């Protein structure tokens, strides 16, 4: 039986060798970059023009800024303007790719009657992207954390398994069946592999689903880890990263090393 304290290096290698963790990190980094660009230019005021009463007026363009955002190859511009409402001179801004205004030009605007500082040029928005886009990106961003959590949770269970006590015995690949019409990465077939091993003079079988990329060879021997508390709880040693396999084998008396896959 092997029951050992897994070193920190091996634990980290296990945690971050999971494709789910890398995929989750990829989502967080990419979506995070998008969020950093649009979060300041999102239209947070759009709902007010629907839910509240509005008033019309005129404003004078005092500034024009070209943004880095395009829609259908049309660049979105930010227009800053001044207008008079509630006996005060106020400033506002709008985003649009359709209008063509110049500094000093007077244009029609609308503002919230009870909140006159919230305004926009007619037929424009207060942001270069909608709040719906922001909600979507935040949802995908949080999904990245969920994916990482799932990957880490599975690896934490594996680490606990490795520290709980197990035996290593040799198994033999006795059957291989390709799953028809199922392709992985457009080129690899999905296979159902059956391994046979013996424990306490009893012959048992385990079934694993693998792609043809892993190159398992029928009738070759492959070490498996057997949970001491449950002989049906079996882990194929080849499923672990190579460095982790080597560490486990160095702590065992297994006579056969696994074939690299």
Protein backbone atom coordinates (compact mmCIF):
# COMPACT_ATOMS: atom_id res chain seq x y z
CA UNK A 1 0.00 0.00 0.00
CA UNK A 2 1.12 3.54 -0.76
CA UNK A 3 -0.02 6.30 1.57
CA UNK A 4 2.16 9.33 1.19
CA UNK A 5 2.14 13.05 1.67
CA UNK A 6 2.07 14.58 -1.81
CA UNK A 7 4.70 17.38 -2.11
CA UNK A 8 3.51 20.90 -2.92
CA UNK A 9 5.23 20.79 -6.32
CA UNK A 10 3.31 17.65 -7.29
CA UNK A 11 0.02 19.08 -5.98
CA UNK A 12 0.45 22.25 -8.03
CA UNK A 13 1.35 20.22 -11.09
CA UNK A 14 -1.81 18.19 -10.62
CA UNK A 15 -3.99 21.24 -10.10
CA UNK A 16 -2.75 23.10 -13.16
CA UNK A 17 -2.35 20.14 -15.51
CA UNK A 18 -6.14 20.08 -15.88
CA UNK A 19 -7.34 21.39 -19.24
CA UNK A 20 -10.42 22.86 -17.55
CA UNK A 21 -8.18 25.12 -15.46
CA UNK A 22 -6.32 26.39 -18.53
CA UNK A 23 -9.59 26.89 -20.41
CA UNK A 24 -11.06 28.83 -17.46
CA UNK A 25 -7.97 31.02 -17.24
CA UNK A 26 -8.17 31.66 -20.99
CA UNK A 27 -11.79 32.78 -20.64
CA UNK A 28 -10.97 35.10 -17.73
CA UNK A 29 -8.00 36.73 -19.46
CA UNK A 30 -9.72 37.27 -22.83
CA UNK A 31 -13.05 38.45 -21.42
CA UNK A 32 -11.22 40.54 -18.83
CA UNK A 33 -9.49 42.43 -21.64
CA UNK A 34 -12.83 43.09 -23.33
CA UNK A 35 -14.35 44.25 -20.04
CA UNK A 36 -11.47 46.64 -19.37
CA UNK A 37 -12.21 48.30 -22.73
CA UNK A 38 -16.00 48.61 -22.62
CA UNK A 39 -16.79 48.96 -18.91
CA UNK A 40 -16.22 52.73 -18.89
CA UNK A 41 -18.10 53.35 -22.15
CA UNK A 42 -21.19 51.23 -21.49
CA UNK A 43 -24.58 52.94 -21.72
CA UNK A 44 -25.81 52.72 -18.12
CA UNK A 45 -28.55 55.33 -18.66
CA UNK A 46 -30.58 53.79 -21.51
CA UNK A 47 -33.32 52.42 -19.23
CA UNK A 48 -34.05 55.91 -17.84
CA UNK A 49 -35.22 57.18 -21.24
CA UNK A 50 -37.76 54.35 -21.31
CA UNK A 51 -38.88 54.47 -17.69
CA UNK A 52 -38.90 58.27 -17.14
CA UNK A 53 -40.38 61.35 -18.74
CA UNK A 54 -38.04 63.21 -21.10
CA UNK A 55 -37.78 66.78 -22.33
CA UNK A 56 -36.37 68.10 -25.59
CA UNK A 57 -33.91 70.93 -26.13
CA UNK A 58 -30.85 71.94 -28.09
CA UNK A 59 -27.17 71.56 -27.34
CA UNK A 60 -23.93 72.93 -28.75
CA UNK A 61 -21.13 70.53 -29.69
CA UNK A 62 -17.97 71.37 -27.71
CA UNK A 63 -15.86 68.26 -28.26
CA UNK A 64 -15.51 65.25 -30.57
CA UNK A 65 -13.43 62.17 -29.76
CA UNK A 66 -12.79 59.20 -32.03
CA UNK A 67 -13.16 55.92 -30.08
CA UNK A 68 -11.52 52.56 -30.78
CA UNK A 69 -14.93 50.92 -31.22
CA UNK A 70 -16.40 50.14 -34.64
CA UNK A 71 -19.80 48.80 -35.70
CA UNK A 72 -20.04 47.31 -39.20
CA UNK A 73 -16.71 48.97 -40.02
CA UNK A 74 -18.08 52.38 -38.94
CA UNK A 75 -16.14 54.15 -36.21
CA UNK A 76 -18.07 55.31 -33.15
CA UNK A 77 -17.46 58.91 -32.08
CA UNK A 78 -18.04 60.51 -28.70
CA UNK A 79 -19.75 63.93 -28.89
CA UNK A 80 -19.61 66.30 -25.93
CA UNK A 81 -22.13 69.11 -25.79
CA UNK A 82 -23.49 71.88 -23.57
CA UNK A 83 -27.15 72.73 -23.09
CA UNK A 84 -29.45 74.72 -20.81
CA UNK A 85 -31.96 72.90 -18.59
CA UNK A 86 -33.53 73.74 -15.22
CA UNK A 87 -32.07 77.26 -15.47
CA UNK A 88 -28.52 75.92 -15.55
CA UNK A 89 -25.87 75.24 -18.18
CA UNK A 90 -25.11 71.52 -18.18
CA UNK A 91 -22.73 69.23 -20.02
CA UNK A 92 -23.56 65.92 -21.68
CA UNK A 93 -22.14 63.39 -24.08
CA UNK A 94 -23.35 60.91 -26.68
CA UNK A 95 -21.91 58.08 -28.78
CA UNK A 96 -22.83 57.46 -32.41
CA UNK A 97 -21.46 56.21 -35.71
CA UNK A 98 -24.33 57.61 -37.80
CA UNK A 99 -24.37 61.37 -37.21
CA UNK A 100 -21.85 63.83 -38.60
CA UNK A 101 -21.52 66.91 -36.40
CA UNK A 102 -18.87 69.59 -36.07
CA UNK A 103 -17.67 71.55 -33.03
CA UNK A 104 -19.89 74.59 -32.51
CA UNK A 105 -22.85 73.01 -34.31
CA UNK A 106 -26.24 73.11 -32.59
CA UNK A 107 -28.18 69.82 -32.45
CA UNK A 108 -31.37 68.43 -30.93
CA UNK A 109 -30.99 66.71 -27.56
CA UNK A 110 -33.21 65.05 -24.97
CA UNK A 111 -32.82 64.83 -21.21
CA UNK A 112 -34.59 63.23 -18.25
CA UNK A 113 -37.09 65.79 -16.95
CA UNK A 114 -36.54 64.99 -13.27
CA UNK A 115 -32.80 64.39 -13.78
CA UNK A 116 -31.75 67.00 -16.35
CA UNK A 117 -28.03 66.18 -16.04
CA UNK A 118 -28.76 62.87 -17.82
CA UNK A 119 -28.93 63.74 -21.50
CA UNK A 120 -28.05 62.63 -25.01
CA UNK A 121 -28.25 63.77 -28.59
CA UNK A 122 -31.47 62.54 -30.18
CA UNK A 123 -31.11 59.07 -31.76
CA UNK A 124 -27.80 58.37 -30.02
CA UNK A 125 -26.73 56.58 -26.84
CA UNK A 126 -24.79 57.40 -23.67
CA UNK A 127 -22.30 54.61 -24.33
CA UNK A 128 -20.51 52.89 -27.18
CA UNK A 129 -21.91 49.51 -26.06
CA UNK A 130 -25.16 48.42 -24.45
CA UNK A 131 -25.64 47.22 -20.90
CA UNK A 132 -26.72 43.86 -22.36
CA UNK A 133 -23.25 43.33 -23.82
CA UNK A 134 -21.72 44.12 -20.42
CA UNK A 135 -24.03 41.64 -18.66
CA UNK A 136 -23.13 38.97 -21.21
CA UNK A 137 -19.38 39.51 -20.82
CA UNK A 138 -19.64 39.51 -17.01
CA UNK A 139 -21.58 36.23 -17.21
CA UNK A 140 -18.90 34.64 -19.39
CA UNK A 141 -16.20 36.05 -17.07
CA UNK A 142 -17.88 34.39 -14.07
CA UNK A 143 -18.25 31.21 -16.13
CA UNK A 144 -14.46 31.17 -16.39
CA UNK A 145 -14.21 31.04 -12.60
CA UNK A 146 -16.80 28.25 -12.53
CA UNK A 147 -14.80 26.23 -15.08
CA UNK A 148 -11.64 26.70 -13.01
CA UNK A 149 -13.52 25.67 -9.84
CA UNK A 150 -14.73 22.47 -11.49
CA UNK A 151 -11.22 21.63 -12.71
CA UNK A 152 -9.62 22.38 -9.34
CA UNK A 153 -12.35 20.44 -7.47
CA UNK A 154 -11.69 17.35 -9.58
CA UNK A 155 -7.95 17.63 -8.96
CA UNK A 156 -8.42 18.19 -5.21
CA UNK A 157 -10.44 14.97 -5.12
CA UNK A 158 -7.61 13.26 -6.98
CA UNK A 159 -5.00 14.56 -4.50
CA UNK A 160 -7.11 13.28 -1.60
CA UNK A 161 -7.40 9.96 -3.41
CA UNK A 162 -3.63 9.71 -3.81
CA UNK A 163 -3.12 10.41 -0.10
CA UNK A 164 -5.83 8.02 1.08
CA UNK A 165 -3.86 4.82 0.47
CA UNK A 166 -3.81 2.66 -2.64
CA UNK A 167 -2.10 -0.28 -4.30
CA UNK A 168 -0.55 -0.36 -7.74
CA UNK A 169 -1.17 -3.45 -9.86
CA UNK A 170 -0.73 -4.16 -13.53
CA UNK A 171 -3.78 -4.25 -15.78
CA UNK A 172 -4.06 -5.43 -19.35
CA UNK A 173 -5.96 -3.80 -22.18
CA UNK A 174 -8.24 -6.63 -23.30
CA UNK A 175 -10.77 -4.89 -25.49
CA UNK A 176 -10.97 -1.76 -27.62
CA UNK A 177 -14.12 -0.51 -29.35
CA UNK A 178 -14.37 2.66 -31.38
CA UNK A 179 -17.53 4.69 -30.87
CA UNK A 180 -19.02 5.24 -34.37
CA UNK A 181 -19.75 8.76 -35.62
CA UNK A 182 -18.05 10.38 -32.62
CA UNK A 183 -15.07 12.54 -33.47
CA UNK A 184 -12.89 14.60 -31.13
CA UNK A 185 -11.09 17.65 -32.51
CA UNK A 186 -12.39 16.67 -35.99
CA UNK A 187 -9.82 13.89 -36.35
CA UNK A 188 -9.62 11.66 -33.28
CA UNK A 189 -12.04 8.81 -32.70
CA UNK A 190 -13.53 8.14 -29.28
CA UNK A 191 -12.81 4.61 -28.03
CA UNK A 192 -14.16 2.52 -25.19
CA UNK A 193 -11.23 0.63 -23.62
CA UNK A 194 -11.60 -2.29 -21.24
CA UNK A 195 -8.76 -3.07 -18.83
CA UNK A 196 -8.53 -6.25 -16.79
CA UNK A 197 -6.70 -6.54 -13.47
CA UNK A 198 -6.54 -8.89 -10.48
CA UNK A 199 -6.93 -8.05 -6.80
CA UNK A 200 -7.15 -10.56 -3.97
CA UNK A 201 -7.19 -13.39 -6.56
CA UNK A 202 -10.31 -11.83 -8.10
CA UNK A 203 -10.29 -10.63 -11.71
CA UNK A 204 -11.96 -7.28 -12.31
CA UNK A 205 -12.51 -5.01 -15.28
CA UNK A 206 -12.66 -1.25 -15.72
CA UNK A 207 -13.86 0.71 -18.72
CA UNK A 208 -12.34 4.02 -19.84
CA UNK A 209 -13.25 6.31 -22.70
CA UNK A 210 -10.21 7.65 -24.54
CA UNK A 211 -9.42 9.19 -27.90
CA UNK A 212 -7.18 7.52 -30.46
CA UNK A 213 -4.60 10.23 -29.67
CA UNK A 214 -3.61 8.32 -26.51
CA UNK A 215 -2.37 5.29 -28.51
CA UNK A 216 -3.21 2.50 -26.06
CA UNK A 217 -2.10 -0.88 -27.38
CA UNK A 218 -4.21 -4.00 -26.86
CA UNK A 219 -2.71 -6.71 -24.61
CA UNK A 220 -0.09 -4.31 -23.24
CA UNK A 221 0.06 -3.88 -19.48
CA UNK A 222 -0.81 -0.56 -17.82
CA UNK A 223 -0.50 0.05 -14.06
CA UNK A 224 -3.65 1.05 -12.19
CA UNK A 225 -4.14 2.55 -8.72
CA UNK A 226 -6.62 0.67 -6.54
CA UNK A 227 -8.25 2.33 -3.55
CA UNK A 228 -7.62 0.21 -0.45
CA UNK A 229 -11.09 0.98 0.91
CA UNK A 230 -12.88 0.12 -2.33
CA UNK A 231 -11.40 -2.28 -4.89
CA UNK A 232 -13.78 -0.94 -7.53
CA UNK A 233 -12.38 2.57 -7.18
CA UNK A 234 -9.62 2.40 -9.78
CA UNK A 235 -7.49 5.05 -11.45
CA UNK A 236 -5.44 4.42 -14.58
CA UNK A 237 -1.91 5.62 -13.87
CA UNK A 238 -1.56 6.88 -17.44
CA UNK A 239 -4.30 9.43 -16.71
CA UNK A 240 -1.86 11.34 -14.50
CA UNK A 241 0.79 13.82 -15.73
CA UNK A 242 4.15 12.15 -16.39
CA UNK A 243 5.93 13.87 -13.48
CA UNK A 244 3.20 12.73 -11.10
CA UNK A 245 3.37 9.17 -12.45
CA UNK A 246 7.13 9.11 -11.92
CA UNK A 247 6.71 10.35 -8.37
CA UNK A 248 4.13 7.65 -7.56
CA UNK A 249 6.20 4.92 -9.18
CA UNK A 250 9.27 6.06 -7.24
CA UNK A 251 7.29 5.47 -4.04
CA UNK A 252 6.08 2.05 -5.10
CA UNK A 253 7.51 -1.34 -5.95
CA UNK A 254 5.68 -1.55 -9.29
CA UNK A 255 7.64 -3.61 -11.71
CA UNK A 256 6.25 -2.14 -14.89
CA UNK A 257 6.22 1.50 -15.83
CA UNK A 258 3.32 2.80 -17.93
CA UNK A 259 3.68 3.52 -21.64
CA UNK A 260 3.75 7.30 -22.24
CA UNK A 261 0.58 8.57 -23.88
